[in-house]
Protein backbone atom coordinates (compact mmCIF):
# COMPACT_ATOMS: atom_id res chain seq x y z
CA MET A 1 -28.36 -24.01 -22.17
CA LYS A 2 -26.79 -20.77 -20.43
CA PRO A 3 -23.12 -19.57 -20.54
CA LYS A 4 -21.80 -20.71 -16.85
CA ILE A 5 -19.43 -17.80 -15.60
CA LEU A 6 -17.72 -18.55 -11.94
CA VAL A 7 -16.64 -15.28 -10.09
CA LEU A 8 -14.47 -16.10 -7.01
CA GLY A 9 -13.95 -13.53 -4.60
CA ALA A 10 -16.61 -10.81 -3.98
CA GLY A 11 -14.09 -7.81 -3.66
CA PHE A 12 -14.14 -4.59 -5.92
CA GLY A 13 -13.29 -6.56 -8.86
CA GLY A 14 -15.84 -9.41 -8.23
CA LEU A 15 -18.81 -7.32 -7.34
CA GLU A 16 -18.27 -4.99 -10.23
CA LEU A 17 -17.75 -7.90 -12.84
CA SER A 18 -20.77 -9.66 -11.85
CA THR A 19 -22.76 -6.19 -11.83
CA LEU A 20 -21.68 -5.39 -15.49
CA LEU A 21 -22.39 -8.81 -16.49
CA SER A 22 -26.01 -8.88 -14.95
CA GLN A 23 -26.63 -5.47 -16.54
CA SER A 24 -25.70 -6.77 -20.02
CA PHE A 25 -27.29 -10.42 -19.85
CA GLY A 26 -29.74 -10.45 -17.10
CA ASP A 27 -30.62 -13.75 -16.34
CA SER A 28 -29.77 -15.11 -19.60
CA VAL A 29 -26.28 -16.11 -18.06
CA ASP A 30 -25.69 -18.22 -15.11
CA ILE A 31 -23.22 -16.13 -12.90
CA THR A 32 -21.89 -17.55 -9.78
CA LEU A 33 -20.11 -15.50 -7.32
CA ILE A 34 -18.29 -17.11 -4.49
CA ASP A 35 -16.85 -15.13 -1.14
CA LYS A 36 -16.13 -16.91 2.46
CA SER A 37 -17.15 -13.70 3.93
CA ASP A 38 -20.67 -12.49 4.36
CA HIS A 39 -19.77 -8.70 4.08
CA PHE A 40 -17.80 -6.42 2.03
CA MET A 41 -15.56 -3.63 3.41
CA PHE A 42 -13.40 -0.57 1.77
CA GLY A 43 -10.03 -0.92 2.32
CA PHE A 44 -9.77 2.81 2.98
CA SER A 45 -12.15 2.35 5.99
CA LYS A 46 -9.59 0.79 7.88
CA LEU A 47 -7.64 3.63 8.73
CA ASP A 48 -10.92 5.41 10.25
CA VAL A 49 -11.35 2.10 12.15
CA MET A 50 -8.32 2.60 13.61
CA PHE A 51 -8.34 6.36 14.67
CA GLY A 52 -11.67 5.97 16.24
CA ARG A 53 -13.60 7.75 13.69
CA GLU A 54 -16.16 4.65 12.69
CA THR A 55 -16.41 1.45 14.00
CA ALA A 56 -15.65 -1.83 11.72
CA GLN A 57 -19.61 -2.84 12.18
CA SER A 58 -20.80 0.59 10.66
CA GLN A 59 -18.51 -0.09 7.47
CA ARG A 60 -19.78 -3.66 6.91
CA LEU A 61 -21.46 -3.87 3.61
CA TYR A 62 -23.59 -7.62 3.61
CA TYR A 63 -23.72 -9.40 0.67
CA ARG A 64 -27.35 -10.42 1.45
CA ASN A 65 -28.11 -6.88 0.17
CA PHE A 66 -26.32 -7.86 -3.08
CA ALA A 67 -29.24 -8.54 -5.72
CA LYS A 68 -28.57 -8.67 -9.13
CA PRO A 69 -30.41 -10.78 -12.05
CA GLY A 70 -28.53 -13.70 -13.02
CA VAL A 71 -26.27 -13.56 -10.11
CA ARG A 72 -26.11 -16.38 -7.42
CA LEU A 73 -23.94 -15.20 -4.89
CA LEU A 74 -22.81 -18.09 -2.05
CA HIS A 75 -20.93 -17.61 0.81
CA GLN A 76 -18.57 -20.54 0.83
CA THR A 77 -15.01 -21.15 1.33
CA ILE A 78 -13.30 -22.46 -1.50
CA THR A 79 -11.02 -25.70 -1.04
CA LYS A 80 -9.54 -26.16 -4.43
CA ILE A 81 -9.13 -24.88 -8.24
CA ASP A 82 -8.50 -26.89 -11.31
CA PRO A 83 -8.09 -24.09 -13.76
CA VAL A 84 -7.69 -26.66 -16.61
CA ALA A 85 -11.13 -28.10 -16.11
CA ARG A 86 -12.21 -24.76 -14.74
CA ARG A 87 -13.86 -26.42 -11.95
CA VAL A 88 -13.85 -25.30 -8.37
CA ALA A 89 -14.70 -27.02 -4.96
CA THR A 90 -16.03 -25.59 -1.78
CA ASP A 91 -16.94 -26.66 1.54
CA GLY A 92 -20.51 -26.39 -0.01
CA GLY A 93 -20.01 -28.01 -3.59
CA THR A 94 -18.34 -28.46 -6.90
CA PHE A 95 -18.97 -25.79 -9.58
CA ASP A 96 -17.76 -25.91 -13.08
CA ALA A 97 -17.87 -23.01 -15.38
CA ASP A 98 -17.48 -21.85 -19.32
CA TYR A 99 -15.49 -19.05 -18.07
CA LEU A 100 -13.43 -18.78 -14.57
CA ILE A 101 -12.63 -15.64 -13.11
CA ILE A 102 -10.27 -15.24 -10.35
CA ALA A 103 -10.71 -12.35 -8.01
CA LEU A 104 -9.52 -13.68 -4.60
CA GLY A 105 -7.10 -10.43 -4.01
CA ALA A 106 -4.04 -10.66 -1.63
CA GLU A 107 -3.97 -12.19 1.84
CA TYR A 108 -1.30 -10.93 4.42
CA ASP A 109 1.65 -13.32 5.09
CA PHE A 110 2.07 -12.71 9.06
CA ALA A 111 4.20 -15.33 9.05
CA GLY A 112 6.64 -14.03 6.42
CA THR A 113 8.12 -11.59 8.75
CA PRO A 114 9.10 -13.03 12.63
CA GLY A 115 7.67 -11.57 15.25
CA LEU A 116 4.92 -9.28 13.31
CA SER A 117 2.15 -11.49 15.15
CA GLU A 118 3.34 -10.28 18.42
CA VAL A 119 3.09 -6.61 17.49
CA ASN A 120 0.56 -4.51 15.67
CA GLU A 121 -0.67 -3.92 11.97
CA PHE A 122 -3.09 -2.22 10.77
CA TYR A 123 -3.94 -3.78 7.22
CA SER A 124 -6.42 -6.43 8.70
CA VAL A 125 -9.92 -5.39 10.25
CA ALA A 126 -8.85 -7.22 13.62
CA GLY A 127 -5.61 -5.47 13.31
CA ALA A 128 -7.29 -2.07 13.26
CA GLU A 129 -9.49 -2.69 15.75
CA LYS A 130 -6.74 -3.67 18.15
CA LEU A 131 -4.89 -0.61 17.13
CA ARG A 132 -8.05 1.50 18.00
CA GLU A 133 -7.67 0.40 21.74
CA VAL A 134 -3.89 0.40 21.93
CA LEU A 135 -3.56 3.99 20.60
CA PRO A 136 -5.30 6.00 23.51
CA SER A 137 -2.66 4.55 25.87
CA PHE A 138 0.53 5.86 23.83
CA LYS A 139 1.45 9.31 25.51
CA GLN A 140 5.28 9.01 24.75
CA GLY A 141 7.97 7.38 22.76
CA HIS A 142 8.50 6.19 19.26
CA ALA A 143 5.87 5.02 16.82
CA LEU A 144 7.57 3.16 13.69
CA VAL A 145 5.47 2.77 10.80
CA GLY A 146 6.84 -0.06 9.13
CA VAL A 147 6.13 -1.92 5.55
CA CYS A 148 7.19 -5.47 5.87
CA GLY A 149 7.44 -6.28 2.06
CA ALA A 150 6.46 -4.76 -1.73
CA PRO A 151 3.61 -5.28 -3.74
CA PHE A 152 0.96 -4.58 -0.96
CA LYS A 153 -2.17 -3.13 -1.15
CA CYS A 154 -3.11 0.49 -1.51
CA PRO A 155 0.26 1.80 -1.80
CA PRO A 156 -0.57 5.36 -0.23
CA ALA A 157 -1.81 3.77 2.89
CA PRO A 158 1.38 3.87 5.21
CA SER A 159 1.82 7.09 4.46
CA GLU A 160 -1.71 8.37 5.19
CA CYS A 161 -1.27 6.26 8.62
CA ALA A 162 1.74 8.38 9.49
CA LEU A 163 0.10 11.78 9.01
CA MET A 164 -3.12 10.76 10.52
CA LEU A 165 -1.13 9.45 13.39
CA HIS A 166 0.58 13.04 13.73
CA ASP A 167 -3.03 14.56 13.87
CA TYR A 168 -3.85 12.05 16.44
CA LEU A 169 -1.05 12.60 18.54
CA SER A 170 -1.36 16.30 18.26
CA THR A 171 -5.35 16.34 19.06
CA ARG A 172 -4.41 14.86 22.37
CA GLY A 173 -1.72 16.79 23.44
CA VAL A 174 1.18 14.40 23.38
CA ARG A 175 2.77 15.09 19.72
CA LYS A 176 6.04 16.71 21.28
CA SER A 177 6.51 13.63 23.62
CA CYS A 178 6.52 11.23 20.60
CA LYS A 179 8.34 10.41 17.64
CA ILE A 180 7.15 8.93 14.37
CA SER A 181 9.40 7.13 11.87
CA PHE A 182 8.49 5.43 8.61
CA VAL A 183 9.90 2.74 6.94
CA LEU A 184 8.88 2.15 2.98
CA PRO A 185 10.96 -0.65 0.61
CA MET A 186 9.97 1.98 -2.33
CA SER A 187 11.91 5.21 -3.55
CA ALA A 188 9.03 7.07 -3.15
CA PRO A 189 5.56 7.10 -1.35
CA VAL A 190 3.70 7.36 -5.04
CA PRO A 191 6.64 6.24 -7.59
CA PRO A 192 4.57 6.92 -10.86
CA SER A 193 3.59 10.79 -9.62
CA PRO A 194 7.09 12.37 -8.63
CA GLU A 195 4.86 15.66 -8.02
CA THR A 196 2.46 13.47 -5.51
CA SER A 197 5.97 11.90 -3.62
CA LYS A 198 7.22 15.20 -3.41
CA ALA A 199 3.83 16.66 -1.43
CA LEU A 200 3.90 13.63 0.74
CA ILE A 201 7.47 13.85 1.45
CA ALA A 202 7.25 17.48 2.26
CA ALA A 203 4.15 16.74 4.54
CA PHE A 204 6.60 14.44 6.58
CA ALA A 205 9.27 17.25 6.82
CA GLU A 206 6.41 19.67 8.08
CA ARG A 207 5.11 17.23 10.70
CA ASP A 208 8.66 16.46 11.81
CA ILE A 209 8.01 12.63 10.43
CA ALA A 210 11.32 10.51 9.68
CA PHE A 211 11.17 9.16 6.46
CA TYR A 212 13.32 6.16 5.38
CA PRO A 213 12.86 5.03 1.51
CA ASN A 214 14.50 1.78 0.33
CA LYS A 215 14.01 -0.04 3.20
CA ARG A 216 11.92 -2.84 4.63
CA ILE A 217 11.06 -4.60 7.88
CA LEU A 218 12.86 -8.02 8.18
CA SER A 219 11.73 -9.07 11.51
CA ILE A 220 10.75 -7.74 14.81
CA ASP A 221 11.94 -8.53 18.18
CA PRO A 222 8.69 -7.71 20.28
CA ARG A 223 10.68 -8.22 23.52
CA ARG A 224 13.24 -6.00 22.94
CA GLY A 225 11.30 -3.43 21.02
CA VAL A 226 13.50 -3.46 18.00
CA ALA A 227 12.65 -3.92 14.11
CA ARG A 228 15.53 -5.22 12.05
CA LEU A 229 15.69 -3.83 8.53
CA ASP A 230 17.02 -5.52 5.28
CA ASP A 231 20.35 -3.58 5.27
CA ASP A 232 20.99 -5.20 8.67
CA SER A 233 20.43 -2.03 10.35
CA GLU A 234 17.95 -1.79 13.60
CA MET A 235 15.51 0.86 14.53
CA THR A 236 14.05 0.59 18.11
CA PHE A 237 10.16 1.34 18.82
CA ASP A 238 7.70 1.93 21.65
CA LEU A 239 4.72 1.44 19.30
CA PHE A 240 4.90 -0.68 15.95
CA LEU A 241 2.58 -0.28 13.37
CA GLY A 242 2.95 -2.59 10.45
CA VAL A 243 2.18 -3.53 6.82
CA PRO A 244 2.27 -7.25 6.49
CA LYS A 245 3.58 -9.04 3.48
CA HIS A 246 1.06 -9.86 0.72
CA ARG A 247 0.82 -12.93 -0.97
CA VAL A 248 -2.36 -14.64 -2.90
CA PRO A 249 -4.67 -17.20 -0.74
CA LEU A 250 -3.03 -20.59 -0.50
CA VAL A 251 -5.79 -22.28 -2.61
CA VAL A 252 -4.39 -20.21 -5.72
CA LEU A 253 -0.66 -20.98 -4.72
CA GLU A 254 -1.83 -24.92 -4.79
CA SER A 255 -3.60 -24.68 -7.87
CA GLY A 256 -0.73 -23.97 -10.00
CA LEU A 257 -2.06 -20.73 -11.25
CA ALA A 258 0.52 -18.48 -9.56
CA GLU A 259 4.25 -17.59 -10.06
CA ASP A 260 6.21 -16.00 -7.79
CA GLY A 261 3.37 -15.42 -5.41
CA TRP A 262 1.21 -13.75 -8.01
CA VAL A 263 -1.05 -14.54 -10.78
CA PRO A 264 0.56 -14.03 -14.23
CA VAL A 265 -1.71 -12.34 -16.54
CA LYS A 266 -1.64 -10.65 -20.09
CA PRO A 267 -1.71 -7.05 -18.51
CA ARG A 268 -4.19 -5.41 -21.12
CA THR A 269 -6.65 -8.30 -21.43
CA LEU A 270 -6.10 -9.97 -17.98
CA GLU A 271 -6.46 -13.66 -19.54
CA THR A 272 -4.30 -16.67 -17.60
CA LYS A 273 -2.34 -19.47 -19.41
CA TYR A 274 -5.27 -21.45 -18.85
CA SER A 275 -7.97 -21.19 -21.48
CA SER A 276 -11.32 -18.73 -20.85
CA VAL A 277 -9.36 -18.45 -17.10
CA TYR A 278 -8.86 -14.59 -16.16
CA ALA A 279 -7.52 -13.13 -13.12
CA ILE A 280 -8.31 -9.76 -11.54
CA GLY A 281 -7.47 -7.60 -8.71
CA ASP A 282 -4.73 -7.62 -6.19
CA GLY A 283 -3.53 -10.95 -6.84
CA ALA A 284 -3.18 -10.55 -10.57
CA ASN A 285 0.39 -9.82 -11.66
CA THR A 286 -0.84 -6.62 -13.94
CA GLY A 287 2.25 -4.09 -13.33
CA THR A 288 -0.72 -1.90 -11.87
CA PRO A 289 -1.00 -0.87 -8.10
CA LYS A 290 -3.13 -3.38 -5.79
CA ALA A 291 -6.31 -1.07 -5.34
CA GLY A 292 -9.68 -1.36 -5.41
CA VAL A 293 -9.85 1.01 -8.36
CA PHE A 294 -7.72 -1.03 -10.37
CA ALA A 295 -9.63 -3.85 -9.96
CA GLU A 296 -12.72 -2.67 -10.71
CA GLY A 297 -10.96 -1.08 -14.03
CA ALA A 298 -9.98 -4.97 -14.82
CA ALA A 299 -13.19 -5.91 -14.14
CA LYS A 300 -14.63 -4.00 -16.59
CA ALA A 301 -12.11 -4.93 -19.65
CA VAL A 302 -13.28 -8.62 -18.59
CA ALA A 303 -16.63 -7.99 -18.67
CA GLU A 304 -16.35 -6.45 -22.40
CA ALA A 305 -14.59 -9.36 -23.29
CA LEU A 306 -17.17 -12.10 -22.06
CA ILE A 307 -19.96 -10.34 -23.49
CA ALA A 308 -18.19 -9.92 -26.79
CA ARG A 309 -17.19 -13.80 -26.49
CA ILE A 310 -20.54 -14.82 -25.51
CA ARG A 311 -22.53 -12.37 -28.17
CA ASN A 312 -20.06 -13.32 -30.61
CA LYS A 313 -19.90 -9.97 -31.98
CA GLY A 314 -18.46 -6.41 -30.94
CA LYS A 315 -14.76 -6.04 -29.78
CA ALA A 316 -13.95 -5.26 -25.87
CA ASN A 317 -11.89 -2.55 -24.73
CA LEU A 318 -8.34 -3.17 -23.52
CA TYR A 319 -7.59 -2.63 -19.57
CA SER A 320 -6.80 0.90 -19.34
CA GLY A 321 -4.21 0.68 -16.21
CA ALA A 322 -5.45 3.81 -15.14
CA GLY A 323 -7.14 4.79 -11.90
CA THR A 324 -7.45 7.55 -9.22
CA CYS A 325 -6.20 7.39 -5.69
CA TYR A 326 -7.15 9.59 -2.50
CA ILE A 327 -4.65 10.42 0.12
CA GLU A 328 -5.47 11.66 3.73
CA PHE A 329 -2.93 14.37 4.20
CA GLY A 330 -4.32 15.12 7.92
CA GLY A 331 -6.46 18.43 9.14
CA GLY A 332 -9.18 17.03 7.22
CA ARG A 333 -7.72 17.42 3.80
CA ILE A 334 -7.72 15.20 0.99
CA GLY A 335 -5.46 14.81 -2.30
CA LYS A 336 -5.70 13.13 -5.13
CA VAL A 337 -3.56 11.29 -7.65
CA GLU A 338 -4.79 10.26 -11.01
CA VAL A 339 -2.08 7.65 -12.45
CA ASP A 340 -1.78 5.98 -15.98
CA PHE A 341 0.32 2.73 -16.25
CA PHE A 342 -0.48 1.91 -20.12
CA SER A 343 -0.92 5.03 -22.35
CA GLY A 344 2.55 5.79 -22.86
CA PRO A 345 6.14 4.34 -22.51
CA LYS A 346 6.10 4.75 -18.69
CA PRO A 347 3.58 5.59 -15.82
CA THR A 348 2.36 8.66 -15.22
CA GLY A 349 0.77 10.73 -12.46
CA THR A 350 -1.40 13.65 -12.06
CA TYR A 351 -1.30 15.19 -8.53
CA TRP A 352 -4.14 17.27 -6.89
CA GLU A 353 -3.08 19.37 -3.93
CA PRO A 354 -5.11 18.60 -0.74
CA SER A 355 -8.33 20.36 -0.07
CA VAL A 356 -11.44 19.79 2.09
CA GLU A 357 -13.62 19.81 -1.12
CA LEU A 358 -11.45 16.84 -2.23
CA ARG A 359 -13.04 14.76 0.87
CA SER A 360 -16.44 15.12 -0.67
CA GLU A 361 -15.14 13.56 -3.66
CA LYS A 362 -13.72 10.77 -2.01
CA GLU A 363 -16.90 10.24 0.02
CA ARG A 364 -18.86 10.18 -3.42
CA PHE A 365 -16.67 7.55 -4.52
CA GLY A 366 -17.76 5.45 -1.82
CA SER A 367 -21.30 6.30 -1.90
CA SER A 368 -21.63 5.48 -5.41
CA ARG A 369 -20.18 1.90 -5.06
CA ARG A 370 -22.77 1.66 -2.19
CA ALA A 371 -25.23 2.46 -4.17
CA ARG A 372 -24.42 0.47 -7.29
CA TRP A 373 -23.61 -2.87 -5.83
CA PHE A 374 -25.61 -2.80 -2.51
CA GLY A 375 -28.56 -0.58 -3.34
CA GLU A 376 -27.78 1.72 -0.42
CA GLN A 377 -29.05 5.31 -0.64
CA SER A 378 -26.68 7.62 0.92
CA VAL A 379 -25.57 11.61 1.11
CA SER A 380 -22.05 12.57 0.91
CA ALA A 381 -20.58 15.76 2.66
CA ASP A 382 -21.55 18.08 -0.48
CA GLY A 383 -25.41 16.75 -0.39
CA THR A 384 -25.45 14.46 -3.03
CA ILE A 385 -27.96 11.55 -2.68
CA TYR A 386 -26.76 8.37 -4.45
CA ALA A 387 -29.50 5.58 -4.94
CA THR A 388 -29.98 2.62 -7.33
CA ARG A 389 -32.65 2.59 -9.75
CA GLN A 390 -34.21 -1.05 -9.11
CA ASP A 391 -35.29 -1.11 -12.70
CA ALA A 392 -32.32 -0.42 -14.70
CA HIS A 393 -29.61 -1.27 -11.85
CA THR A 394 -27.64 1.66 -12.55
CA ILE A 395 -26.70 4.45 -10.20
CA THR A 396 -28.44 7.66 -10.14
CA GLN A 397 -27.45 11.14 -8.26
CA SER A 398 -29.86 13.28 -7.09
CA ARG A 399 -28.74 17.09 -6.36
CA SER A 400 -32.16 18.61 -6.62
CA SER A 401 -33.95 16.39 -4.25
CA THR A 402 -31.39 17.03 -1.14
CA SER A 403 -33.00 15.81 1.86
CA SER A 404 -33.29 17.86 5.07
CA THR A 405 -30.50 15.81 6.54
CA ALA A 406 -28.19 16.96 3.50
CA ARG A 407 -29.12 20.43 4.03
CA SER A 408 -28.33 20.11 7.51
CA SER A 409 -25.20 18.65 7.05
CA ARG A 410 -24.08 20.86 4.56
CA ARG A 411 -24.91 23.74 7.20
CA ARG A 412 -23.15 22.28 9.78
CA TRP A 413 -20.01 21.78 7.74
CA SER A 414 -20.09 25.36 6.60
CA MET A 415 -20.51 26.34 10.05
CA ALA A 416 -17.62 24.47 11.27
CA LEU A 417 -15.53 25.99 8.19
CA ALA A 418 -16.29 29.53 9.63
CA VAL A 419 -15.65 28.40 13.32
CA ALA A 420 -12.35 26.98 12.29
CA ALA A 421 -11.24 29.98 10.69
CA ALA A 422 -11.68 32.23 13.58
CA LEU A 423 -10.32 29.80 16.28
CA SER A 424 -7.35 29.42 14.07
CA LEU A 425 -6.95 33.40 14.48
CA VAL A 426 -7.30 32.85 18.15
CA ALA A 427 -5.01 30.31 18.80
CA LEU A 428 -2.08 31.87 16.43
CA ALA A 429 -2.90 35.23 18.68
CA ALA A 430 -2.62 33.02 21.89
CA ALA A 431 0.54 31.08 20.70
CA ASP A 432 2.38 34.33 20.10
CA VAL A 433 1.77 34.80 23.78
CA SER A 434 1.94 31.86 25.45
CA GLY A 435 4.82 30.09 23.23
CA HIS A 436 2.19 27.41 21.76
CA ALA A 437 0.97 26.12 24.54
CA SER A 438 -2.39 26.50 23.75
CA ILE A 439 -2.28 25.11 20.34
CA PRO A 440 -3.16 21.35 21.66
CA ALA A 441 -6.27 22.32 23.36
CA PHE A 442 -7.20 24.42 20.30
CA MET A 443 -6.88 21.49 18.21
CA LYS A 444 -8.79 19.06 19.98
CA GLY A 445 -11.55 21.43 20.07
CA LEU A 446 -11.56 21.97 16.20
CA ASN A 447 -11.33 17.86 15.72
CA ALA A 448 -14.21 17.72 18.04
CA LEU A 449 -16.15 20.39 15.96
CA LEU A 450 -15.38 18.85 12.64
CA SER A 451 -16.57 15.30 13.72
CA LYS A 452 -19.89 16.28 14.30
């Protein structure tokens, strides 16, 4: 009888784990992947939706296009998990497994912060879409980016939101009429990397963004426009952009898998206290950030462990706890931090300064996953084509066969940079004469050019 592997959740961790197992076993193993949604969406794309760069629909990757030998992907809602029996009930049936992997991620606890549901948040797709409609009418006043609890997904995202909001308001010519504040319940934007945190704090200061570390939002009074912080101080606002508290889904809490809101695991093997039950991704308490790249790394470690166990040979590598995060600094520039949580006595981070070139690298990160999981061919800004070789189910990169579309895209980008440089000189010269009055118009034109 084929070994039965049941994967709950088709996010970064579930997709990568199922892909790796399919590559190794083909249809000699019975893999069932269950998710309540019919599509996948990169978390970082929500900021693009929020600021009107993309639509939510354009960013959805539908699971019907996830086709891997030996993998059955079911669109069902999980109603009960029995980790002792490794049995799962859904609205479509009951499933038993030899190996059970919990990859259901983290959900948003809107009720955990009184008043939050009456204002705005940008972590859910619905919240990002709502802000997309709200932001154009915000022309003056205090915008407060506030985090309601930790840990939370993608730690740099609130910093990115504040910096991108500055650019958005500057492009519209209303930045001088607006104040931006950022409240964060951590000592620094990226604690494992002091250099990255220093660069972000400097970017806040340069853009007149008030940064309040080691504080979190306790409650919100929408009628008064007041947020109460955990030090009992209050902060007024005209526009609130929140990050909700996070927790594992209720079905995981009810299963007995979670402790203190998260699933405890052995950090290097991802094993839970239940036999042949693993947890990966945002819901697992590994000591690493809650971000897709870390869920993907955990999936690789569990895949190796399952391959070794099922074949009864070989030894799996431990979860490395290392990953790369890309950070929007505004102005079309992307920074990067490579963090490592387990190699040394304490977590470390290597910082890469923001550049336009790193934007292409971030695009390749997304493009390669789209190709690997969904078989989509896509072209990044530097002309690299990503496609899936269906015979081997691996990623193929082609730089030599650049399409006319890619060449055209590169030419437009190069021209945009050249024109941007020329416009910068003109704008600076005009600023000397007009006292900076021409800067908003210049930025608006530059933004329109670079978005083409």
